[in-house]
C-alpha atoms as a PDB file:
ATOM      1  CA  UNK A   1     -46.600 -13.149  33.866  1.00  0.00           C
ATOM      2  CA  UNK A   2     -45.158 -14.358  30.588  1.00  0.00           C
ATOM      3  CA  UNK A   3     -41.599 -13.288  29.944  1.00  0.00           C
ATOM      4  CA  UNK A   4     -41.063 -11.235  26.803  1.00  0.00           C
ATOM      5  CA  UNK A   5     -38.969 -12.851  24.086  1.00  0.00           C
ATOM      6  CA  UNK A   6     -35.743 -11.208  23.016  1.00  0.00           C
ATOM      7  CA  UNK A   7     -36.091  -9.874  19.505  1.00  0.00           C
ATOM      8  CA  UNK A   8     -33.483  -9.055  16.930  1.00  0.00           C
ATOM      9  CA  UNK A   9     -33.530  -5.516  15.728  1.00  0.00           C
ATOM     10  CA  UNK A  10     -34.688  -5.105  12.149  1.00  0.00           C
ATOM     11  CA  UNK A  11     -32.527  -2.444  10.564  1.00  0.00           C
ATOM     12  CA  UNK A  12     -34.176  -0.190   7.991  1.00  0.00           C
ATOM     13  CA  UNK A  13     -32.555   2.702   6.109  1.00  0.00           C
ATOM     14  CA  UNK A  14     -34.430   5.144   8.324  1.00  0.00           C
ATOM     15  CA  UNK A  15     -33.358   3.387  11.508  1.00  0.00           C
ATOM     16  CA  UNK A  16     -29.729   3.200  10.307  1.00  0.00           C
ATOM     17  CA  UNK A  17     -29.695   6.944   9.648  1.00  0.00           C
ATOM     18  CA  UNK A  18     -31.272   7.623  13.037  1.00  0.00           C
ATOM     19  CA  UNK A  19     -28.679   5.418  14.727  1.00  0.00           C
ATOM     20  CA  UNK A  20     -25.664   7.162  13.169  1.00  0.00           C
ATOM     21  CA  UNK A  21     -27.145  10.636  13.572  1.00  0.00           C
ATOM     22  CA  UNK A  22     -27.502   9.832  17.261  1.00  0.00           C
ATOM     23  CA  UNK A  23     -23.957   8.426  17.555  1.00  0.00           C
ATOM     24  CA  UNK A  24     -22.606  11.617  15.970  1.00  0.00           C
ATOM     25  CA  UNK A  25     -24.103  13.619  18.864  1.00  0.00           C
ATOM     26  CA  UNK A  26     -22.288  11.608  21.556  1.00  0.00           C
ATOM     27  CA  UNK A  27     -18.744  10.788  22.618  1.00  0.00           C
ATOM     28  CA  UNK A  28     -19.110   7.488  20.751  1.00  0.00           C
ATOM     29  CA  UNK A  29     -18.192   9.391  17.603  1.00  0.00           C
ATOM     30  CA  UNK A  30     -14.650   9.729  18.974  1.00  0.00           C
ATOM     31  CA  UNK A  31     -14.404   5.929  18.995  1.00  0.00           C
ATOM     32  CA  UNK A  32     -15.204   5.595  15.303  1.00  0.00           C
ATOM     33  CA  UNK A  33     -12.674   3.884  13.042  1.00  0.00           C
ATOM     34  CA  UNK A  34     -11.997   7.062  11.073  1.00  0.00           C
ATOM     35  CA  UNK A  35     -11.227   9.001  14.239  1.00  0.00           C
ATOM     36  CA  UNK A  36      -9.127   6.343  15.972  1.00  0.00           C
ATOM     37  CA  UNK A  37      -7.353   4.523  13.132  1.00  0.00           C
ATOM     38  CA  UNK A  38      -7.854   6.936  10.241  1.00  0.00           C
ATOM     39  CA  UNK A  39      -4.408   8.622  10.374  1.00  0.00           C
ATOM     40  CA  UNK A  40      -2.517   5.317  10.380  1.00  0.00           C
ATOM     41  CA  UNK A  41      -4.817   3.809   7.776  1.00  0.00           C
ATOM     42  CA  UNK A  42      -4.176   6.722   5.413  1.00  0.00           C
ATOM     43  CA  UNK A  43      -0.453   6.347   6.031  1.00  0.00           C
ATOM     44  CA  UNK A  44      -0.643   2.640   5.223  1.00  0.00           C
ATOM     45  CA  UNK A  45      -2.382   3.066   1.857  1.00  0.00           C
ATOM     46  CA  UNK A  46      -0.721   6.386   0.944  1.00  0.00           C
ATOM     47  CA  UNK A  47       1.051   4.862  -2.086  1.00  0.00           C
ATOM     48  CA  UNK A  48      -2.337   4.256  -3.699  1.00  0.00           C
ATOM     49  CA  UNK A  49      -3.601   7.819  -3.242  1.00  0.00           C
ATOM     50  CA  UNK A  50      -3.450  10.190  -6.215  1.00  0.00           C
ATOM     51  CA  UNK A  51      -1.899  13.629  -5.586  1.00  0.00           C
ATOM     52  CA  UNK A  52      -3.554  15.992  -8.047  1.00  0.00           C
ATOM     53  CA  UNK A  53      -6.317  13.433  -8.668  1.00  0.00           C
ATOM     54  CA  UNK A  54      -9.860  13.133  -7.337  1.00  0.00           C
ATOM     55  CA  UNK A  55     -10.840  11.153  -4.243  1.00  0.00           C
ATOM     56  CA  UNK A  56     -14.206  10.147  -2.813  1.00  0.00           C
ATOM     57  CA  UNK A  57     -14.837   9.079   0.770  1.00  0.00           C
ATOM     58  CA  UNK A  58     -17.887   6.827   0.366  1.00  0.00           C
ATOM     59  CA  UNK A  59     -19.707   6.743   3.700  1.00  0.00           C
ATOM     60  CA  UNK A  60     -17.967   9.856   4.987  1.00  0.00           C
ATOM     61  CA  UNK A  61     -19.891   9.891   8.280  1.00  0.00           C
ATOM     62  CA  UNK A  62     -18.633  12.687  10.510  1.00  0.00           C
ATOM     63  CA  UNK A  63     -15.857  13.521   8.042  1.00  0.00           C
ATOM     64  CA  UNK A  64     -12.819  12.312  10.014  1.00  0.00           C
ATOM     65  CA  UNK A  65     -11.210  10.560   7.028  1.00  0.00           C
ATOM     66  CA  UNK A  66     -12.334  13.216   4.573  1.00  0.00           C
ATOM     67  CA  UNK A  67     -10.610  15.835   6.726  1.00  0.00           C
ATOM     68  CA  UNK A  68      -7.407  13.756   6.708  1.00  0.00           C
ATOM     69  CA  UNK A  69      -7.445  13.576   2.915  1.00  0.00           C
ATOM     70  CA  UNK A  70      -7.972  17.319   2.585  1.00  0.00           C
ATOM     71  CA  UNK A  71      -5.243  18.062   5.126  1.00  0.00           C
ATOM     72  CA  UNK A  72      -2.811  16.054   2.945  1.00  0.00           C
ATOM     73  CA  UNK A  73      -3.553  18.449   0.088  1.00  0.00           C
ATOM     74  CA  UNK A  74      -5.704  15.920  -1.786  1.00  0.00           C
ATOM     75  CA  UNK A  75      -8.821  16.832  -3.724  1.00  0.00           C
ATOM     76  CA  UNK A  76     -11.663  14.926  -2.076  1.00  0.00           C
ATOM     77  CA  UNK A  77     -15.439  14.673  -1.974  1.00  0.00           C
ATOM     78  CA  UNK A  78     -17.735  12.948   0.485  1.00  0.00           C
ATOM     79  CA  UNK A  79     -20.714  10.638   0.120  1.00  0.00           C
ATOM     80  CA  UNK A  80     -23.171   9.937   2.925  1.00  0.00           C
ATOM     81  CA  UNK A  81     -26.888   9.061   2.717  1.00  0.00           C
ATOM     82  CA  UNK A  82     -27.883  10.941   5.875  1.00  0.00           C
ATOM     83  CA  UNK A  83     -29.108  14.528   5.234  1.00  0.00           C
ATOM     84  CA  UNK A  84     -28.094  15.547   8.763  1.00  0.00           C
ATOM     85  CA  UNK A  85     -24.512  14.302   8.285  1.00  0.00           C
ATOM     86  CA  UNK A  86     -24.353  15.888   4.836  1.00  0.00           C
ATOM     87  CA  UNK A  87     -25.193  19.238   6.424  1.00  0.00           C
ATOM     88  CA  UNK A  88     -22.623  18.651   9.162  1.00  0.00           C
ATOM     89  CA  UNK A  89     -19.935  17.821   6.596  1.00  0.00           C
ATOM     90  CA  UNK A  90     -20.626  20.982   4.602  1.00  0.00           C
ATOM     91  CA  UNK A  91     -20.556  23.083   7.763  1.00  0.00           C
ATOM     92  CA  UNK A  92     -17.353  21.440   8.962  1.00  0.00           C
ATOM     93  CA  UNK A  93     -15.228  21.357   5.792  1.00  0.00           C
ATOM     94  CA  UNK A  94     -17.274  23.082   3.113  1.00  0.00           C
ATOM     95  CA  UNK A  95     -14.864  26.026   2.907  1.00  0.00           C
ATOM     96  CA  UNK A  96     -11.742  23.879   2.370  1.00  0.00           C
ATOM     97  CA  UNK A  97     -10.091  24.718  -0.947  1.00  0.00           C
ATOM     98  CA  UNK A  98      -9.648  21.042  -1.905  1.00  0.00           C
ATOM     99  CA  UNK A  99     -13.185  20.009  -0.974  1.00  0.00           C
ATOM    100  CA  UNK A 100     -15.078  18.710  -4.030  1.00  0.00           C
ATOM    101  CA  UNK A 101     -18.475  18.728  -2.330  1.00  0.00           C
ATOM    102  CA  UNK A 102     -21.020  16.182  -1.150  1.00  0.00           C
ATOM    103  CA  UNK A 103     -22.055  13.654  -3.790  1.00  0.00           C
ATOM    104  CA  UNK A 104     -25.419  11.900  -3.893  1.00  0.00           C
ATOM    105  CA  UNK A 105     -26.806   8.766  -5.537  1.00  0.00           C
ATOM    106  CA  UNK A 106     -27.629  10.758  -8.672  1.00  0.00           C
ATOM    107  CA  UNK A 107     -23.957  11.739  -9.145  1.00  0.00           C
ATOM    108  CA  UNK A 108     -22.340  10.340 -12.309  1.00  0.00           C
ATOM    109  CA  UNK A 109     -18.835  11.659 -11.663  1.00  0.00           C
ATOM    110  CA  UNK A 110     -15.830   9.342 -11.506  1.00  0.00           C
ATOM    111  CA  UNK A 111     -12.829   9.448  -9.209  1.00  0.00           C
ATOM    112  CA  UNK A 112      -9.233   8.249  -9.241  1.00  0.00           C
ATOM    113  CA  UNK A 113      -9.625   6.736  -5.765  1.00  0.00           C
ATOM    114  CA  UNK A 114     -12.723   5.752  -3.797  1.00  0.00           C
ATOM    115  CA  UNK A 115     -12.361   4.929  -0.100  1.00  0.00           C
ATOM    116  CA  UNK A 116     -14.837   2.494   1.412  1.00  0.00           C
ATOM    117  CA  UNK A 117     -13.607   2.423   4.999  1.00  0.00           C
ATOM    118  CA  UNK A 118     -15.695   0.415   7.481  1.00  0.00           C
ATOM    119  CA  UNK A 119     -18.780   0.622   5.280  1.00  0.00           C
ATOM    120  CA  UNK A 120     -19.581  -2.767   3.719  1.00  0.00           C
ATOM    121  CA  UNK A 121     -20.336  -4.368   7.101  1.00  0.00           C
ATOM    122  CA  UNK A 122     -23.139  -1.814   7.630  1.00  0.00           C
ATOM    123  CA  UNK A 123     -24.926  -2.129   4.277  1.00  0.00           C
ATOM    124  CA  UNK A 124     -28.346  -3.782   4.519  1.00  0.00           C
ATOM    125  CA  UNK A 125     -29.060  -6.922   2.495  1.00  0.00           C
ATOM    126  CA  UNK A 126     -31.647  -5.261   0.271  1.00  0.00           C
ATOM    127  CA  UNK A 127     -29.188  -2.484  -0.650  1.00  0.00           C
ATOM    128  CA  UNK A 128     -25.934  -4.448  -0.823  1.00  0.00           C
ATOM    129  CA  UNK A 129     -25.605  -5.123  -4.562  1.00  0.00           C
ATOM    130  CA  UNK A 130     -26.981  -1.709  -5.471  1.00  0.00           C
ATOM    131  CA  UNK A 131     -24.430   0.013  -3.227  1.00  0.00           C
ATOM    132  CA  UNK A 132     -21.525  -2.015  -4.628  1.00  0.00           C
ATOM    133  CA  UNK A 133     -22.563  -1.217  -8.179  1.00  0.00           C
ATOM    134  CA  UNK A 134     -22.704   2.494  -7.307  1.00  0.00           C
ATOM    135  CA  UNK A 135     -19.265   2.323  -5.712  1.00  0.00           C
ATOM    136  CA  UNK A 136     -17.864   0.627  -8.834  1.00  0.00           C
ATOM    137  CA  UNK A 137     -19.338   3.339 -11.067  1.00  0.00           C
ATOM    138  CA  UNK A 138     -17.668   6.028  -8.975  1.00  0.00           C
ATOM    139  CA  UNK A 139     -14.206   4.555  -9.738  1.00  0.00           C
ATOM    140  CA  UNK A 140     -12.796   5.457 -13.126  1.00  0.00           C
ATOM    141  CA  UNK A 141     -11.124   2.711 -15.230  1.00  0.00           C
ATOM    142  CA  UNK A 142      -7.640   2.130 -13.877  1.00  0.00           C
ATOM    143  CA  UNK A 143      -8.570   3.803 -10.586  1.00  0.00           C
ATOM    144  CA  UNK A 144      -8.413   2.287  -7.118  1.00  0.00           C
ATOM    145  CA  UNK A 145     -10.979   1.136  -4.588  1.00  0.00           C
ATOM    146  CA  UNK A 146      -9.595   1.144  -1.044  1.00  0.00           C
ATOM    147  CA  UNK A 147     -11.691  -0.666   1.547  1.00  0.00           C
ATOM    148  CA  UNK A 148     -11.516  -1.893   5.129  1.00  0.00           C
ATOM    149  CA  UNK A 149     -13.780  -4.042   7.270  1.00  0.00           C
ATOM    150  CA  UNK A 150     -13.464  -6.180  10.413  1.00  0.00           C
ATOM    151  CA  UNK A 151     -11.932  -9.574   9.700  1.00  0.00           C
ATOM    152  CA  UNK A 152     -14.216 -12.588  10.143  1.00  0.00           C
ATOM    153  CA  UNK A 153     -16.168 -10.925  12.949  1.00  0.00           C
ATOM    154  CA  UNK A 154     -18.506 -13.057  15.071  1.00  0.00           C
ATOM    155  CA  UNK A 155     -21.609 -10.880  14.922  1.00  0.00           C
ATOM    156  CA  UNK A 156     -23.431 -12.891  17.579  1.00  0.00           C
ATOM    157  CA  UNK A 157     -20.802 -12.618  20.286  1.00  0.00           C
ATOM    158  CA  UNK A 158     -20.227  -8.952  19.416  1.00  0.00           C
ATOM    159  CA  UNK A 159     -23.889  -8.016  19.882  1.00  0.00           C
ATOM    160  CA  UNK A 160     -25.563  -6.456  22.920  1.00  0.00           C
ATOM    161  CA  UNK A 161     -28.990  -6.651  24.525  1.00  0.00           C
ATOM    162  CA  UNK A 162     -31.251  -3.711  25.415  1.00  0.00           C
ATOM    163  CA  UNK A 163     -33.505  -4.578  28.417  1.00  0.00           C
ATOM    164  CA  UNK A 164     -35.816  -1.638  27.698  1.00  0.00           C
ATOM    165  CA  UNK A 165     -36.805  -2.720  24.208  1.00  0.00           C
ATOM    166  CA  UNK A 166     -35.847  -6.410  24.528  1.00  0.00           C
ATOM    167  CA  UNK A 167     -33.773  -5.901  21.397  1.00  0.00           C
ATOM    168  CA  UNK A 168     -30.594  -7.785  20.478  1.00  0.00           C
ATOM    169  CA  UNK A 169     -28.305  -5.888  18.109  1.00  0.00           C
ATOM    170  CA  UNK A 170     -24.720  -5.106  17.139  1.00  0.00           C
ATOM    171  CA  UNK A 171     -23.511  -1.968  18.990  1.00  0.00           C
ATOM    172  CA  UNK A 172     -21.941  -0.588  15.813  1.00  0.00           C
ATOM    173  CA  UNK A 173     -24.774  -1.649  13.496  1.00  0.00           C
ATOM    174  CA  UNK A 174     -22.789  -4.385  11.741  1.00  0.00           C
ATOM    175  CA  UNK A 175     -24.993  -6.715   9.708  1.00  0.00           C
ATOM    176  CA  UNK A 176     -22.401  -8.817   7.842  1.00  0.00           C
ATOM    177  CA  UNK A 177     -18.884 -10.172   8.177  1.00  0.00           C
ATOM    178  CA  UNK A 178     -16.091 -10.985   5.701  1.00  0.00           C
ATOM    179  CA  UNK A 179     -12.899 -12.971   5.412  1.00  0.00           C
ATOM    180  CA  UNK A 180     -10.143 -11.597   3.128  1.00  0.00           C
ATOM    181  CA  UNK A 181     -11.107 -14.110   0.405  1.00  0.00           C
ATOM    182  CA  UNK A 182     -14.790 -13.228   0.634  1.00  0.00           C
ATOM    183  CA  UNK A 183     -14.093  -9.504   0.443  1.00  0.00           C
ATOM    184  CA  UNK A 184     -11.728  -9.922  -2.516  1.00  0.00           C
ATOM    185  CA  UNK A 185     -14.265 -12.101  -4.353  1.00  0.00           C
ATOM    186  CA  UNK A 186     -16.984  -9.553  -3.636  1.00  0.00           C
ATOM    187  CA  UNK A 187     -15.010  -6.773  -5.308  1.00  0.00           C
ATOM    188  CA  UNK A 188     -13.775  -9.060  -8.067  1.00  0.00           C
ATOM    189  CA  UNK A 189     -17.395  -9.599  -9.072  1.00  0.00           C
ATOM    190  CA  UNK A 190     -17.818  -5.868  -9.715  1.00  0.00           C
ATOM    191  CA  UNK A 191     -14.674  -5.469 -11.817  1.00  0.00           C
ATOM    192  CA  UNK A 192     -11.733  -5.039  -9.428  1.00  0.00           C
ATOM    193  CA  UNK A 193      -8.450  -6.925  -9.313  1.00  0.00           C
ATOM    194  CA  UNK A 194      -6.766  -7.056  -5.915  1.00  0.00           C
ATOM    195  CA  UNK A 195      -3.513  -5.079  -5.760  1.00  0.00           C
ATOM    196  CA  UNK A 196      -3.063  -5.322  -1.991  1.00  0.00           C
ATOM    197  CA  UNK A 197      -4.815  -7.391   0.668  1.00  0.00           C
ATOM    198  CA  UNK A 198      -3.697  -7.424   4.292  1.00  0.00           C
ATOM    199  CA  UNK A 199      -4.787  -8.114   7.838  1.00  0.00           C
ATOM    200  CA  UNK A 200      -3.814  -5.755  10.610  1.00  0.00           C
ATOM    201  CA  UNK A 201      -4.632  -4.865  14.192  1.00  0.00           C
ATOM    202  CA  UNK A 202      -4.881  -1.095  14.394  1.00  0.00           C
ATOM    203  CA  UNK A 203      -4.522  -1.213  18.161  1.00  0.00           C
ATOM    204  CA  UNK A 204      -0.825  -1.598  17.351  1.00  0.00           C
ATOM    205  CA  UNK A 205      -0.919   0.824  14.471  1.00  0.00           C
ATOM    206  CA  UNK A 206       2.298   2.654  15.339  1.00  0.00           C
ATOM    207  CA  UNK A 207       4.407  -0.485  14.919  1.00  0.00           C
ATOM    208  CA  UNK A 208       2.419  -1.392  11.818  1.00  0.00           C
ATOM    209  CA  UNK A 209       3.251   1.843  10.048  1.00  0.00           C
ATOM    210  CA  UNK A 210       6.887   1.701  11.137  1.00  0.00           C
ATOM    211  CA  UNK A 211       7.112  -1.806   9.704  1.00  0.00           C
ATOM    212  CA  UNK A 212       5.547  -0.611   6.480  1.00  0.00           C
ATOM    213  CA  UNK A 213       8.032   2.250   6.265  1.00  0.00           C
ATOM    214  CA  UNK A 214      10.886  -0.227   6.770  1.00  0.00           C
ATOM    215  CA  UNK A 215       9.528  -2.281   3.886  1.00  0.00           C
ATOM    216  CA  UNK A 216       9.449   0.726   1.567  1.00  0.00           C
ATOM    217  CA  UNK A 217      12.888   1.838   2.758  1.00  0.00           C
ATOM    218  CA  UNK A 218      14.343  -1.617   2.072  1.00  0.00           C
ATOM    219  CA  UNK A 219      12.912  -1.656  -1.439  1.00  0.00           C
ATOM    220  CA  UNK A 220      14.359   1.815  -2.005  1.00  0.00           C
ATOM    221  CA  UNK A 221      17.707   0.641  -0.621  1.00  0.00           C
ATOM    222  CA  UNK A 222      17.818  -2.208  -3.100  1.00  0.00           C
ATOM    223  CA  UNK A 223      17.091   0.095  -6.019  1.00  0.00           C
ATOM    224  CA  UNK A 224      19.599   2.679  -4.781  1.00  0.00           C
ATOM    225  CA  UNK A 225      22.300   0.087  -4.093  1.00  0.00           C
ATOM    226  CA  UNK A 226      21.999  -1.496  -7.512  1.00  0.00           C
ATOM    227  CA  UNK A 227      22.052   1.924  -9.152  1.00  0.00           C
ATOM    228  CA  UNK A 228      25.184   2.881  -7.249  1.00  0.00           C
ATOM    229  CA  UNK A 229      26.784  -0.459  -8.056  1.00  0.00           C
ATOM    230  CA  UNK A 230      26.052   0.068 -11.729  1.00  0.00           C
ATOM    231  CA  UNK A 231      27.765   3.445 -11.566  1.00  0.00           C
ATOM    232  CA  UNK A 232      30.800   1.916  -9.822  1.00  0.00           C
ATOM    233  CA  UNK A 233      31.113  -0.747 -12.502  1.00  0.00           C
ATOM    234  CA  UNK A 234      30.742   1.857 -15.225  1.00  0.00           C
ATOM    235  CA  UNK A 235      33.465   4.022 -13.672  1.00  0.00           C
ATOM    236  CA  UNK A 236      35.666   0.966 -13.206  1.00  0.00           C
ATOM    237  CA  UNK A 237      35.339  -0.024 -16.833  1.00  0.00           C
ATOM    238  CA  UNK A 238      35.692   3.459 -18.260  1.00  0.00           C
ATOM    239  CA  UNK A 239      38.555   4.639 -16.060  1.00  0.00           C
ATOM    240  CA  UNK A 240      40.490   1.771 -14.518  1.00  0.00           C
ATOM    241  CA  UNK A 241      40.175  -0.600 -17.451  1.00  0.00           C
ATOM    242  CA  UNK A 242      40.993   2.090 -19.972  1.00  0.00           C
ATOM    243  CA  UNK A 243      44.000   3.168 -17.899  1.00  0.00           C
ATOM    244  CA  UNK A 244      45.326  -0.371 -17.784  1.00  0.00           C
ATOM    245  CA  UNK A 245      44.718  -0.894 -21.480  1.00  0.00           C
ATOM    246  CA  UNK A 246      46.545   2.324 -22.300  1.00  0.00           C
ATOM    247  CA  UNK A 247      49.522   1.060 -20.339  1.00  0.00           C
ATOM    248  CA  UNK A 248      49.432  -2.166 -22.320  1.00  0.00           C
ATOM    249  CA  UNK A 249      49.268  -0.194 -25.557  1.00  0.00           C
ATOM    250  CA  UNK A 250      52.292   1.863 -24.491  1.00  0.00           C
ATOM    251  CA  UNK A 251      54.213  -1.325 -23.717  1.00  0.00           C
ATOM    252  CA  UNK A 252      53.382  -2.724 -27.131  1.00  0.00           C
ATOM    253  CA  UNK A 253      54.619   0.500 -28.712  1.00  0.00           C
ATOM    254  CA  UNK A 254      57.900   0.247 -26.774  1.00  0.00           C
ATOM    255  CA  UNK A 255      58.292  -3.344 -27.919  1.00  0.00           C
ATOM    256  CA  UNK A 256      57.936  -2.251 -31.490  1.00  0.00           C
ATOM    257  CA  UNK A 257      60.579   0.457 -31.055  1.00  0.00           C
ATOM    258  CA  UNK A 258      62.823  -1.984 -29.192  1.00  0.00           C
ATOM    259  CA  UNK A 259      63.825  -3.654 -32.464  1.00  0.00           C
ATOM    260  CA  UNK A 260      66.775  -1.225 -32.808  1.00  0.00           C
ATOM    261  CA  UNK A 261      68.420  -2.397 -29.552  1.00  0.00           C
ATOM    262  CA  UNK A 262      71.019  -5.114 -29.301  1.00  0.00           C
ATOM    263  CA  UNK A 263      70.042  -8.757 -28.801  1.00  0.00           C
ATOM    264  CA  UNK A 264      70.770  -8.877 -25.049  1.00  0.00           C
ATOM    265  CA  UNK A 265      69.008  -5.593 -24.355  1.00  0.00           C
ATOM    266  CA  UNK A 266      66.043  -6.770 -26.409  1.00  0.00           C
ATOM    267  CA  UNK A 267      65.823 -10.013 -24.408  1.00  0.00           C
ATOM    268  CA  UNK A 268      66.185  -8.195 -21.092  1.00  0.00           C
ATOM    269  CA  UNK A 269      63.702  -5.507 -22.034  1.00  0.00           C
ATOM    270  CA  UNK A 270      61.284  -8.066 -23.439  1.00  0.00           C
ATOM    271  CA  UNK A 271      61.362  -9.994 -20.155  1.00  0.00           C
ATOM    272  CA  UNK A 272      60.694  -6.766 -18.258  1.00  0.00           C
ATOM    273  CA  UNK A 273      57.741  -5.969 -20.499  1.00  0.00           C
ATOM    274  CA  UNK A 274      56.435  -9.513 -20.168  1.00  0.00           C
ATOM    275  CA  UNK A 275      56.403  -9.165 -16.378  1.00  0.00           C
ATOM    276  CA  UNK A 276      54.728  -5.781 -16.763  1.00  0.00           C
ATOM    277  CA  UNK A 277      52.048  -7.394 -18.925  1.00  0.00           C
ATOM    278  CA  UNK A 278      51.536 -10.059 -16.294  1.00  0.00           C
ATOM    279  CA  UNK A 279      51.156  -7.473 -13.516  1.00  0.00           C
ATOM    280  CA  UNK A 280      48.622  -5.468 -15.473  1.00  0.00           C
ATOM    281  CA  UNK A 281      46.610  -8.550 -16.415  1.00  0.00           C
ATOM    282  CA  UNK A 282      46.587  -9.586 -12.749  1.00  0.00           C
ATOM    283  CA  UNK A 283      45.275  -6.145 -11.810  1.00  0.00           C
ATOM    284  CA  UNK A 284      42.548  -6.412 -14.442  1.00  0.00           C
ATOM    285  CA  UNK A 285      41.562  -9.806 -13.124  1.00  0.00           C
ATOM    286  CA  UNK A 286      41.547  -8.496  -9.558  1.00  0.00           C
ATOM    287  CA  UNK A 287      39.360  -5.542 -10.579  1.00  0.00           C
ATOM    288  CA  UNK A 288      36.817  -7.863 -12.194  1.00  0.00           C
ATOM    289  CA  UNK A 289      36.845 -10.097  -9.115  1.00  0.00           C
ATOM    290  CA  UNK A 290      36.292  -7.141  -6.766  1.00  0.00           C
ATOM    291  CA  UNK A 291      33.346  -5.828  -8.761  1.00  0.00           C
ATOM    292  CA  UNK A 292      31.812  -9.303  -8.882  1.00  0.00           C
ATOM    293  CA  UNK A 293      32.250  -9.652  -5.127  1.00  0.00           C
ATOM    294  CA  UNK A 294      30.621  -6.282  -4.430  1.00  0.00           C
ATOM    295  CA  UNK A 295      27.724  -7.129  -6.718  1.00  0.00           C
ATOM    296  CA  UNK A 296      27.097 -10.404  -4.870  1.00  0.00           C
ATOM    297  CA  UNK A 297      27.449  -8.620  -1.530  1.00  0.00           C
ATOM    298  CA  UNK A 298      24.872  -5.976  -2.384  1.00  0.00           C
ATOM    299  CA  UNK A 299      22.484  -8.499  -3.933  1.00  0.00           C
ATOM    300  CA  UNK A 300      22.678 -10.875  -0.942  1.00  0.00           C
ATOM    301  CA  UNK A 301      22.134  -8.014   1.506  1.00  0.00           C
ATOM    302  CA  UNK A 302      19.109  -6.560  -0.235  1.00  0.00           C
ATOM    303  CA  UNK A 303      17.547  -9.971  -0.809  1.00  0.00           C
ATOM    304  CA  UNK A 304      17.997 -10.833   2.861  1.00  0.00           C
ATOM    305  CA  UNK A 305      16.379  -7.566   3.935  1.00  0.00           C
ATOM    306  CA  UNK A 306      13.482  -7.967   1.545  1.00  0.00           C
ATOM    307  CA  UNK A 307      12.866 -11.540   2.674  1.00  0.00           C
ATOM    308  CA  UNK A 308      12.423 -10.271   6.235  1.00  0.00           C
ATOM    309  CA  UNK A 309       9.767  -7.721   5.316  1.00  0.00           C
ATOM    310  CA  UNK A 310       6.395  -7.698   3.661  1.00  0.00           C
ATOM    311  CA  UNK A 311       6.485  -7.033  -0.109  1.00  0.00           C
ATOM    312  CA  UNK A 312       3.885  -4.287  -0.527  1.00  0.00           C
ATOM    313  CA  UNK A 313       3.573  -4.445  -4.298  1.00  0.00           C
ATOM    314  CA  UNK A 314       1.940  -7.755  -5.253  1.00  0.00           C
ATOM    315  CA  UNK A 315       2.897  -7.380  -8.954  1.00  0.00           C
ATOM    316  CA  UNK A 316      -0.588  -8.035 -10.197  1.00  0.00           C
ATOM    317  CA  UNK A 317      -1.262 -11.193  -8.167  1.00  0.00           C
ATOM    318  CA  UNK A 318      -4.993 -11.615  -7.599  1.00  0.00           C
ATOM    319  CA  UNK A 319      -5.278 -12.358  -3.887  1.00  0.00           C
ATOM    320  CA  UNK A 320      -8.991 -13.041  -4.206  1.00  0.00           C
ATOM    321  CA  UNK A 321      -8.055 -16.683  -4.827  1.00  0.00           C
ATOM    322  CA  UNK A 322      -4.830 -16.797  -2.836  1.00  0.00           C
ATOM    323  CA  UNK A 323      -4.630 -19.597  -0.286  1.00  0.00           C
ATOM    324  CA  UNK A 324      -3.573 -17.397   2.610  1.00  0.00           C
ATOM    325  CA  UNK A 325      -6.342 -14.873   1.983  1.00  0.00           C
ATOM    326  CA  UNK A 326      -3.970 -11.919   2.447  1.00  0.00           C
ATOM    327  CA  UNK A 327      -0.818 -10.749   4.108  1.00  0.00           C
ATOM    328  CA  UNK A 328      -0.702 -10.802   7.887  1.00  0.00           C
ATOM    329  CA  UNK A 329       0.721  -7.409   8.786  1.00  0.00           C
ATOM    330  CA  UNK A 330      -0.065  -7.727  12.485  1.00  0.00           C
ATOM    331  CA  UNK A 331      -2.541 -10.162  13.988  1.00  0.00           C
ATOM    332  CA  UNK A 332      -4.241  -9.309  17.245  1.00  0.00           C
ATOM    333  CA  UNK A 333      -7.511  -9.866  19.071  1.00  0.00           C
ATOM    334  CA  UNK A 334      -9.479  -7.786  16.568  1.00  0.00           C
ATOM    335  CA  UNK A 335      -8.091  -7.659  13.042  1.00  0.00           C
ATOM    336  CA  UNK A 336      -9.077  -5.489  10.113  1.00  0.00           C
ATOM    337  CA  UNK A 337      -8.988  -6.396   6.431  1.00  0.00           C
ATOM    338  CA  UNK A 338      -7.295  -3.773   4.285  1.00  0.00           C
ATOM    339  CA  UNK A 339      -8.086  -4.140   0.581  1.00  0.00           C
ATOM    340  CA  UNK A 340      -6.899  -2.187  -2.454  1.00  0.00           C
ATOM    341  CA  UNK A 341      -8.347  -3.112  -5.842  1.00  0.00           C
ATOM    342  CA  UNK A 342      -7.729  -1.714  -9.310  1.00  0.00           C
ATOM    343  CA  UNK A 343     -10.654  -1.269 -11.670  1.00  0.00           C
ATOM    344  CA  UNK A 344     -10.201  -3.167 -14.902  1.00  0.00           C
END
């Protein structure tokens, strides 16, 4: 008897929908990225969300991420090609006051932020460019595209074999893999400039978010410290300097009036005033030195803290061509690319 050859599954849009509709009916849905890592992911990219603006979860699936956005008080809509999941989304969150509805391919609305979480690795070859173009159209000029996908995944070693059908396929229906550079270039080609690119292992998401919070706190500390230092210098100049200068003015006035005294008293008094001048000038010099020292102290401290943490804001640097391919937030066995791009 001739042994059957193992075949690769050929994914079609209908088969993809059937696959995810089936997953949604099992406990596998609780292992989805949105369910497991969604809360920490939203926390990580929270600075790029738009309170009061409009958000779209492209590829909303079972609505885990969409629910998180709505629970944060954000106005959000969902996009999913499966009619069954569309119905489930409406039933699940349709009554939420911030829910903007389910959007289809015929929708021409634009949004401040579009989330593309764990989607691009599922898009079939024949639909890839069309889907990316639709995603780009959903983002208004100046808005953000926030995406995630597994980092440089080996699709072969991640696949499984079904002995019933003799089919070889990826258990989560992944059909493509990206590196940070490849993902950034992909979005650059449709009009986005990378604002933030990072690698992270969400299995250690608690430490990741704490590290991110420390980064933001350090940046805030620098701004606060410099502001406070500026106020101290201003007070020092306005109060201490002016006080010392007033004393010098009073001494000069006394010197002028001292012309009526006898020669010896004038010499003695003049020497006293000269020493007084010297003391005041020394105090002024000391005050300047102290303020300079405190400025250097604060600057050195904040620079040291910032050098030990990841700078979240990339100040417009396009990481699509950056040698490192992104910031390593936390590298583990399975890493995820986190990308934020601004539409030009």
